[in-house]
Amino acid sequence: MQVAVAYAEPTQQVWLRIEVPEDATVEQAIIKSGLLRQFPDLDLTERAVGIFGKLVKLDAELKAGDRIEIYRPITADPATVPRRQMEDEDDDD
C-alpha cells in the first residue's frame, strides 16, 4: 500500500510517497523512507509523530493513503507570536 512521509527542517522540506506492507507501522514506514539516513540527527524517541495532524505512537498501524508527519519541537510560544506582530506594527507608526 502507498503512504506518504513528511518532515521539515527550517531550510528543507521532504515529502515522500513510499510503498509499505499492509501491516506496516508508522516507525517501519519512517525507516523505509530513508529520512533517518538523510537526517542523522532525527531521533524518533524525541519527536512526536502524527497521521494527518493527529498524534500517534510509532507502533500505530497504517492505512493506505496515510500521511505520516514527523514534528519538530516548538521554538516559539504560539501565544506570543500575535503579540510580537502587533508590537512590530506599532513600531511602524
Protein backbone atom coordinates (compact mmCIF):
# COMPACT_ATOMS: atom_id res chain seq x y z
CA MET A 1 0.00 0.00 0.00
CA GLN A 2 1.12 3.55 -0.57
CA VAL A 3 1.64 6.09 2.23
CA ALA A 4 3.42 9.44 2.48
CA VAL A 5 6.04 10.60 4.97
CA ALA A 6 6.58 14.32 5.61
CA TYR A 7 9.34 16.06 7.55
CA ALA A 8 10.59 19.64 7.54
CA GLU A 9 13.75 21.27 8.78
CA PRO A 10 13.93 25.09 8.86
CA THR A 11 15.67 25.10 5.46
CA GLN A 12 14.42 21.89 3.84
CA GLN A 13 11.13 20.04 3.48
CA VAL A 14 10.75 16.41 2.44
CA TRP A 15 7.53 14.72 1.34
CA LEU A 16 7.86 11.19 0.05
CA ARG A 17 5.41 8.58 -1.22
CA ILE A 18 6.50 5.05 -0.42
CA GLU A 19 5.18 1.51 -0.67
CA VAL A 20 4.86 -0.42 2.59
CA PRO A 21 3.36 -3.81 3.51
CA GLU A 22 -0.31 -3.89 4.54
CA ASP A 23 0.60 -4.40 8.22
CA ALA A 24 3.26 -1.66 8.37
CA THR A 25 3.60 0.65 11.35
CA VAL A 26 4.47 4.33 11.44
CA GLU A 27 8.02 3.55 12.57
CA GLN A 28 8.56 0.97 9.84
CA ALA A 29 7.40 3.44 7.18
CA ILE A 30 9.70 6.18 8.50
CA ILE A 31 12.65 3.78 8.46
CA LYS A 32 11.81 2.64 4.93
CA SER A 33 11.51 6.25 3.74
CA GLY A 34 15.23 6.83 4.35
CA LEU A 35 14.65 10.01 6.34
CA LEU A 36 16.69 8.72 9.27
CA ARG A 37 19.70 8.37 6.96
CA GLN A 38 19.05 11.72 5.30
CA PHE A 39 18.72 13.49 8.67
CA PRO A 40 21.08 11.67 11.08
CA ASP A 41 20.13 13.97 13.99
CA LEU A 42 16.47 12.98 13.68
CA ASP A 43 15.70 10.91 16.81
CA LEU A 44 12.23 9.36 16.82
CA THR A 45 12.40 8.85 20.60
CA GLU A 46 12.47 12.63 20.98
CA ARG A 47 9.99 13.63 18.27
CA ALA A 48 6.24 13.50 18.11
CA VAL A 49 4.70 11.86 15.06
CA GLY A 50 1.23 12.03 13.62
CA ILE A 51 -1.05 10.96 10.81
CA PHE A 52 -2.92 13.83 9.15
CA GLY A 53 -2.28 16.10 12.15
CA LYS A 54 -3.33 13.64 14.88
CA LEU A 55 -0.63 12.42 17.24
CA VAL A 56 0.04 8.69 17.09
CA LYS A 57 2.56 6.27 18.55
CA LEU A 58 5.33 4.76 16.47
CA ASP A 59 3.64 1.35 16.60
CA ALA A 60 0.37 2.66 15.11
CA GLU A 61 -0.74 0.65 12.07
CA LEU A 62 -1.13 2.45 8.78
CA LYS A 63 -3.92 2.58 6.23
CA ALA A 64 -3.48 3.16 2.53
CA GLY A 65 -3.08 6.85 1.77
CA ASP A 66 -2.00 7.89 5.28
CA ARG A 67 0.38 10.85 5.58
CA ILE A 68 2.89 10.39 8.38
CA GLU A 69 4.21 13.65 9.81
CA ILE A 70 7.32 13.98 11.96
CA TYR A 71 7.07 17.10 14.11
CA ARG A 72 9.85 19.46 15.19
CA PRO A 73 9.92 20.95 18.67
CA ILE A 74 8.15 24.30 19.02
CA THR A 75 10.71 27.12 19.04
CA ALA A 76 8.33 29.98 19.83
CA ASP A 77 5.32 30.16 22.10
CA PRO A 78 2.34 30.45 19.70
CA ALA A 79 0.56 32.70 22.19
CA THR A 80 3.31 35.34 21.92
CA VAL A 81 3.57 35.44 18.13
CA PRO A 82 0.45 37.63 17.60
CA ARG A 83 1.70 39.96 20.34
CA ARG A 84 5.08 40.33 18.61
CA GLN A 85 3.40 41.01 15.27
CA MET A 86 1.19 43.71 16.86
CA GLU A 87 4.24 45.30 18.53
CA ASP A 88 6.10 45.32 15.20
CA GLU A 89 3.14 47.04 13.53
CA ASP A 90 3.01 49.67 16.31
CA ASP A 91 6.71 50.41 15.76
CA ASP A 92 5.97 51.28 12.10
CA ASP A 93 3.78 54.25 13.09
